[in-house]
Amino acid sequence: MITLIIPDMTCGHCVGVISGILTGLDPDCELNFELASRKVSISSGLPREEIIEALSDAGYDCE
């Protein structure tokens, strides 16, 4: 399980975009969003660095 804080994730649209990015990388990934705390938990076989790079390329910085 990978947990990321995404400070710019502020609304449902952001959740949809991030979901699309992550399921595009790994269609079988499982995502759990906590919008209030701007946190997403990702269950995937992909390396953390690949996920962060894809989100960063889309304009979402991660912590």
PDB file of N, CA and C in Angstrom:
ATOM      1  N   MET A   1       0.848  -1.178   0.000  1.00  0.00           N
ATOM      2  CA  MET A   1       0.000   0.000   0.000  1.00  0.00           C
ATOM      3  C   MET A   1       0.893   1.240   0.000  1.00  0.00           C
ATOM      4  N   ILE A   2       0.609   2.147  -0.897  1.00  0.00           N
ATOM      5  CA  ILE A   2       1.323   3.416  -1.001  1.00  0.00           C
ATOM      6  C   ILE A   2       0.348   4.514  -0.587  1.00  0.00           C
ATOM      7  N   THR A   3       0.764   5.365   0.323  1.00  0.00           N
ATOM      8  CA  THR A   3      -0.069   6.490   0.735  1.00  0.00           C
ATOM      9  C   THR A   3       0.645   7.775   0.362  1.00  0.00           C
ATOM     10  N   LEU A   4      -0.086   8.639  -0.328  1.00  0.00           N
ATOM     11  CA  LEU A   4       0.465   9.913  -0.767  1.00  0.00           C
ATOM     12  C   LEU A   4      -0.420  11.054  -0.292  1.00  0.00           C
ATOM     13  N   ILE A   5       0.211  12.165   0.043  1.00  0.00           N
ATOM     14  CA  ILE A   5      -0.500  13.417   0.291  1.00  0.00           C
ATOM     15  C   ILE A   5      -0.354  14.235  -0.985  1.00  0.00           C
ATOM     16  N   ILE A   6      -1.481  14.715  -1.497  1.00  0.00           N
ATOM     17  CA  ILE A   6      -1.478  15.503  -2.729  1.00  0.00           C
ATOM     18  C   ILE A   6      -2.114  16.848  -2.386  1.00  0.00           C
ATOM     19  N   PRO A   7      -1.288  17.848  -2.036  1.00  0.00           N
ATOM     20  CA  PRO A   7      -1.814  19.132  -1.564  1.00  0.00           C
ATOM     21  C   PRO A   7      -2.786  19.814  -2.520  1.00  0.00           C
ATOM     22  N   ASP A   8      -2.619  19.623  -3.831  1.00  0.00           N
ATOM     23  CA  ASP A   8      -3.490  20.287  -4.806  1.00  0.00           C
ATOM     24  C   ASP A   8      -4.776  19.522  -5.102  1.00  0.00           C
ATOM     25  N   MET A   9      -5.000  18.401  -4.436  1.00  0.00           N
ATOM     26  CA  MET A   9      -6.232  17.627  -4.632  1.00  0.00           C
ATOM     27  C   MET A   9      -7.312  18.247  -3.736  1.00  0.00           C
ATOM     28  N   THR A  10      -8.155  19.074  -4.349  1.00  0.00           N
ATOM     29  CA  THR A  10      -9.094  19.868  -3.551  1.00  0.00           C
ATOM     30  C   THR A  10     -10.566  19.586  -3.820  1.00  0.00           C
ATOM     31  N   CYS A  11     -10.858  18.778  -4.855  1.00  0.00           N
ATOM     32  CA  CYS A  11     -12.271  18.599  -5.201  1.00  0.00           C
ATOM     33  C   CYS A  11     -12.496  17.251  -5.888  1.00  0.00           C
ATOM     34  N   GLY A  12     -13.725  16.979  -6.160  1.00  0.00           N
ATOM     35  CA  GLY A  12     -14.090  15.736  -6.828  1.00  0.00           C
ATOM     36  C   GLY A  12     -13.495  15.622  -8.228  1.00  0.00           C
ATOM     37  N   HIS A  13     -13.346  16.740  -8.909  1.00  0.00           N
ATOM     38  CA  HIS A  13     -12.730  16.715 -10.234  1.00  0.00           C
ATOM     39  C   HIS A  13     -11.292  16.215 -10.140  1.00  0.00           C
ATOM     40  N   CYS A  14     -10.561  16.707  -9.147  1.00  0.00           N
ATOM     41  CA  CYS A  14      -9.183  16.248  -8.924  1.00  0.00           C
ATOM     42  C   CYS A  14      -9.156  14.736  -8.676  1.00  0.00           C
ATOM     43  N   VAL A  15     -10.069  14.255  -7.860  1.00  0.00           N
ATOM     44  CA  VAL A  15     -10.146  12.820  -7.574  1.00  0.00           C
ATOM     45  C   VAL A  15     -10.363  12.041  -8.867  1.00  0.00           C
ATOM     46  N   GLY A  16     -11.243  12.545  -9.725  1.00  0.00           N
ATOM     47  CA  GLY A  16     -11.513  11.878 -10.991  1.00  0.00           C
ATOM     48  C   GLY A  16     -10.296  11.845 -11.906  1.00  0.00           C
ATOM     49  N   VAL A  17      -9.582  12.962 -11.982  1.00  0.00           N
ATOM     50  CA  VAL A  17      -8.382  13.028 -12.822  1.00  0.00           C
ATOM     51  C   VAL A  17      -7.320  12.079 -12.292  1.00  0.00           C
ATOM     52  N   ILE A  18      -7.093  12.118 -10.986  1.00  0.00           N
ATOM     53  CA  ILE A  18      -6.078  11.249 -10.375  1.00  0.00           C
ATOM     54  C   ILE A  18      -6.461   9.784 -10.531  1.00  0.00           C
ATOM     55  N   SER A  19      -7.735   9.471 -10.359  1.00  0.00           N
ATOM     56  CA  SER A  19      -8.200   8.099 -10.577  1.00  0.00           C
ATOM     57  C   SER A  19      -7.915   7.647 -11.996  1.00  0.00           C
ATOM     58  N   GLY A  20      -8.180   8.509 -12.953  1.00  0.00           N
ATOM     59  CA  GLY A  20      -7.935   8.178 -14.353  1.00  0.00           C
ATOM     60  C   GLY A  20      -6.464   7.926 -14.643  1.00  0.00           C
ATOM     61  N   ILE A  21      -5.609   8.753 -14.057  1.00  0.00           N
ATOM     62  CA  ILE A  21      -4.168   8.585 -14.250  1.00  0.00           C
ATOM     63  C   ILE A  21      -3.719   7.244 -13.688  1.00  0.00           C
ATOM     64  N   LEU A  22      -4.135   6.966 -12.459  1.00  0.00           N
ATOM     65  CA  LEU A  22      -3.660   5.761 -11.780  1.00  0.00           C
ATOM     66  C   LEU A  22      -4.238   4.486 -12.390  1.00  0.00           C
ATOM     67  N   THR A  23      -5.512   4.500 -12.752  1.00  0.00           N
ATOM     68  CA  THR A  23      -6.076   3.299 -13.381  1.00  0.00           C
ATOM     69  C   THR A  23      -5.558   3.135 -14.809  1.00  0.00           C
ATOM     70  N   GLY A  24      -5.097   4.219 -15.431  1.00  0.00           N
ATOM     71  CA  GLY A  24      -4.453   4.118 -16.732  1.00  0.00           C
ATOM     72  C   GLY A  24      -3.106   3.400 -16.635  1.00  0.00           C
ATOM     73  N   LEU A  25      -2.421   3.619 -15.521  1.00  0.00           N
ATOM     74  CA  LEU A  25      -1.146   2.937 -15.289  1.00  0.00           C
ATOM     75  C   LEU A  25      -1.353   1.487 -14.885  1.00  0.00           C
ATOM     76  N   ASP A  26      -2.334   1.277 -14.024  1.00  0.00           N
ATOM     77  CA  ASP A  26      -2.604  -0.063 -13.479  1.00  0.00           C
ATOM     78  C   ASP A  26      -4.113  -0.234 -13.341  1.00  0.00           C
ATOM     79  N   PRO A  27      -4.755  -0.838 -14.343  1.00  0.00           N
ATOM     80  CA  PRO A  27      -6.217  -0.989 -14.306  1.00  0.00           C
ATOM     81  C   PRO A  27      -6.735  -1.759 -13.088  1.00  0.00           C
ATOM     82  N   ASP A  28      -5.877  -2.551 -12.459  1.00  0.00           N
ATOM     83  CA  ASP A  28      -6.310  -3.347 -11.310  1.00  0.00           C
ATOM     84  C   ASP A  28      -6.001  -2.687  -9.962  1.00  0.00           C
ATOM     85  N   CYS A  29      -5.499  -1.460  -9.985  1.00  0.00           N
ATOM     86  CA  CYS A  29      -5.149  -0.820  -8.712  1.00  0.00           C
ATOM     87  C   CYS A  29      -6.417  -0.512  -7.913  1.00  0.00           C
ATOM     88  N   GLU A  30      -6.252  -0.461  -6.604  1.00  0.00           N
ATOM     89  CA  GLU A  30      -7.345  -0.093  -5.709  1.00  0.00           C
ATOM     90  C   GLU A  30      -6.986   1.235  -5.070  1.00  0.00           C
ATOM     91  N   LEU A  31      -7.952   2.161  -5.080  1.00  0.00           N
ATOM     92  CA  LEU A  31      -7.710   3.514  -4.593  1.00  0.00           C
ATOM     93  C   LEU A  31      -8.665   3.854  -3.466  1.00  0.00           C
ATOM     94  N   ASN A  32      -8.148   4.550  -2.472  1.00  0.00           N
ATOM     95  CA  ASN A  32      -8.973   5.037  -1.386  1.00  0.00           C
ATOM     96  C   ASN A  32      -8.619   6.508  -1.163  1.00  0.00           C
ATOM     97  N   PHE A  33      -9.574   7.391  -1.455  1.00  0.00           N
ATOM     98  CA  PHE A  33      -9.341   8.824  -1.332  1.00  0.00           C
ATOM     99  C   PHE A  33      -9.907   9.356  -0.026  1.00  0.00           C
ATOM    100  N   GLU A  34      -9.157  10.231   0.618  1.00  0.00           N
ATOM    101  CA  GLU A  34      -9.607  11.000   1.774  1.00  0.00           C
ATOM    102  C   GLU A  34      -9.417  12.459   1.394  1.00  0.00           C
ATOM    103  N   LEU A  35     -10.440  13.018   0.743  1.00  0.00           N
ATOM    104  CA  LEU A  35     -10.326  14.353   0.169  1.00  0.00           C
ATOM    105  C   LEU A  35     -10.037  15.412   1.230  1.00  0.00           C
ATOM    106  N   ALA A  36     -10.672  15.316   2.383  1.00  0.00           N
ATOM    107  CA  ALA A  36     -10.479  16.331   3.425  1.00  0.00           C
ATOM    108  C   ALA A  36      -9.017  16.446   3.851  1.00  0.00           C
ATOM    109  N   SER A  37      -8.328  15.310   3.909  1.00  0.00           N
ATOM    110  CA  SER A  37      -6.914  15.326   4.306  1.00  0.00           C
ATOM    111  C   SER A  37      -5.980  15.287   3.091  1.00  0.00           C
ATOM    112  N   ARG A  38      -6.579  15.296   1.893  1.00  0.00           N
ATOM    113  CA  ARG A  38      -5.834  15.292   0.630  1.00  0.00           C
ATOM    114  C   ARG A  38      -4.902  14.085   0.509  1.00  0.00           C
ATOM    115  N   LYS A  39      -5.414  12.964   0.943  1.00  0.00           N
ATOM    116  CA  LYS A  39      -4.631  11.735   0.983  1.00  0.00           C
ATOM    117  C   LYS A  39      -5.251  10.689   0.059  1.00  0.00           C
ATOM    118  N   VAL A  40      -4.376   9.937  -0.620  1.00  0.00           N
ATOM    119  CA  VAL A  40      -4.831   8.797  -1.414  1.00  0.00           C
ATOM    120  C   VAL A  40      -3.966   7.594  -1.050  1.00  0.00           C
ATOM    121  N   SER A  41      -4.634   6.479  -0.823  1.00  0.00           N
ATOM    122  CA  SER A  41      -3.949   5.209  -0.573  1.00  0.00           C
ATOM    123  C   SER A  41      -4.119   4.363  -1.823  1.00  0.00           C
ATOM    124  N   ILE A  42      -3.010   3.803  -2.278  1.00  0.00           N
ATOM    125  CA  ILE A  42      -2.983   3.092  -3.552  1.00  0.00           C
ATOM    126  C   ILE A  42      -2.455   1.681  -3.331  1.00  0.00           C
ATOM    127  N   SER A  43      -3.235   0.707  -3.748  1.00  0.00           N
ATOM    128  CA  SER A  43      -2.786  -0.682  -3.730  1.00  0.00           C
ATOM    129  C   SER A  43      -2.488  -1.058  -5.176  1.00  0.00           C
ATOM    130  N   SER A  44      -1.195  -1.214  -5.471  1.00  0.00           N
ATOM    131  CA  SER A  44      -0.767  -1.487  -6.839  1.00  0.00           C
ATOM    132  C   SER A  44       0.596  -2.157  -6.807  1.00  0.00           C
ATOM    133  N   GLY A  45       0.907  -2.872  -7.851  1.00  0.00           N
ATOM    134  CA  GLY A  45       2.217  -3.473  -7.984  1.00  0.00           C
ATOM    135  C   GLY A  45       3.244  -2.517  -8.575  1.00  0.00           C
ATOM    136  N   LEU A  46       2.803  -1.321  -8.951  1.00  0.00           N
ATOM    137  CA  LEU A  46       3.714  -0.344  -9.531  1.00  0.00           C
ATOM    138  C   LEU A  46       4.621   0.256  -8.467  1.00  0.00           C
ATOM    139  N   PRO A  47       5.838   0.624  -8.859  1.00  0.00           N
ATOM    140  CA  PRO A  47       6.729   1.283  -7.905  1.00  0.00           C
ATOM    141  C   PRO A  47       6.226   2.689  -7.558  1.00  0.00           C
ATOM    142  N   ARG A  48       6.447   3.086  -6.328  1.00  0.00           N
ATOM    143  CA  ARG A  48       6.037   4.403  -5.829  1.00  0.00           C
ATOM    144  C   ARG A  48       6.538   5.520  -6.753  1.00  0.00           C
ATOM    145  N   GLU A  49       7.787   5.407  -7.207  1.00  0.00           N
ATOM    146  CA  GLU A  49       8.388   6.444  -8.044  1.00  0.00           C
ATOM    147  C   GLU A  49       7.629   6.627  -9.356  1.00  0.00           C
ATOM    148  N   GLU A  50       7.152   5.529  -9.940  1.00  0.00           N
ATOM    149  CA  GLU A  50       6.409   5.605 -11.202  1.00  0.00           C
ATOM    150  C   GLU A  50       5.072   6.318 -10.996  1.00  0.00           C
ATOM    151  N   ILE A  51       4.422   6.037  -9.890  1.00  0.00           N
ATOM    152  CA  ILE A  51       3.143   6.676  -9.571  1.00  0.00           C
ATOM    153  C   ILE A  51       3.352   8.170  -9.351  1.00  0.00           C
ATOM    154  N   ILE A  52       4.362   8.519  -8.564  1.00  0.00           N
ATOM    155  CA  ILE A  52       4.640   9.934  -8.286  1.00  0.00           C
ATOM    156  C   ILE A  52       4.994  10.671  -9.571  1.00  0.00           C
ATOM    157  N   GLU A  53       5.782  10.055 -10.442  1.00  0.00           N
ATOM    158  CA  GLU A  53       6.164  10.691 -11.705  1.00  0.00           C
ATOM    159  C   GLU A  53       4.946  10.951 -12.585  1.00  0.00           C
ATOM    160  N   ALA A  54       4.039   9.985 -12.664  1.00  0.00           N
ATOM    161  CA  ALA A  54       2.837  10.156 -13.491  1.00  0.00           C
ATOM    162  C   ALA A  54       1.961  11.279 -12.948  1.00  0.00           C
ATOM    163  N   LEU A  55       1.805  11.347 -11.640  1.00  0.00           N
ATOM    164  CA  LEU A  55       0.999  12.417 -11.037  1.00  0.00           C
ATOM    165  C   LEU A  55       1.679  13.769 -11.217  1.00  0.00           C
ATOM    166  N   SER A  56       2.981  13.800 -11.063  1.00  0.00           N
ATOM    167  CA  SER A  56       3.738  15.041 -11.240  1.00  0.00           C
ATOM    168  C   SER A  56       3.627  15.536 -12.683  1.00  0.00           C
ATOM    169  N   ASP A  57       3.706  14.624 -13.641  1.00  0.00           N
ATOM    170  CA  ASP A  57       3.571  14.991 -15.060  1.00  0.00           C
ATOM    171  C   ASP A  57       2.210  15.620 -15.333  1.00  0.00           C
ATOM    172  N   ALA A  58       1.206  15.254 -14.550  1.00  0.00           N
ATOM    173  CA  ALA A  58      -0.147  15.802 -14.712  1.00  0.00           C
ATOM    174  C   ALA A  58      -0.363  17.064 -13.871  1.00  0.00           C
ATOM    175  N   GLY A  59       0.679  17.487 -13.142  1.00  0.00           N
ATOM    176  CA  GLY A  59       0.579  18.720 -12.369  1.00  0.00           C
ATOM    177  C   GLY A  59       0.238  18.552 -10.919  1.00  0.00           C
ATOM    178  N   TYR A  60       0.252  17.319 -10.421  1.00  0.00           N
ATOM    179  CA  TYR A  60      -0.042  17.048  -9.008  1.00  0.00           C
ATOM    180  C   TYR A  60       1.227  16.666  -8.271  1.00  0.00           C
ATOM    181  N   ASP A  61       1.699  17.571  -7.429  1.00  0.00           N
ATOM    182  CA  ASP A  61       2.858  17.257  -6.594  1.00  0.00           C
ATOM    183  C   ASP A  61       2.424  16.357  -5.446  1.00  0.00           C
ATOM    184  N   CYS A  62       3.303  15.491  -5.008  1.00  0.00           N
ATOM    185  CA  CYS A  62       2.999  14.514  -3.959  1.00  0.00           C
ATOM    186  C   CYS A  62       4.003  14.618  -2.828  1.00  0.00           C
ATOM    187  N   GLU A  63       3.524  14.286  -1.665  1.00  0.00           N
ATOM    188  CA  GLU A  63       4.400  14.219  -0.483  1.00  0.00           C
ATOM    189  C   GLU A  63       4.374  12.803   0.050  1.00  0.00           C
TER     190      GLU A  63
END
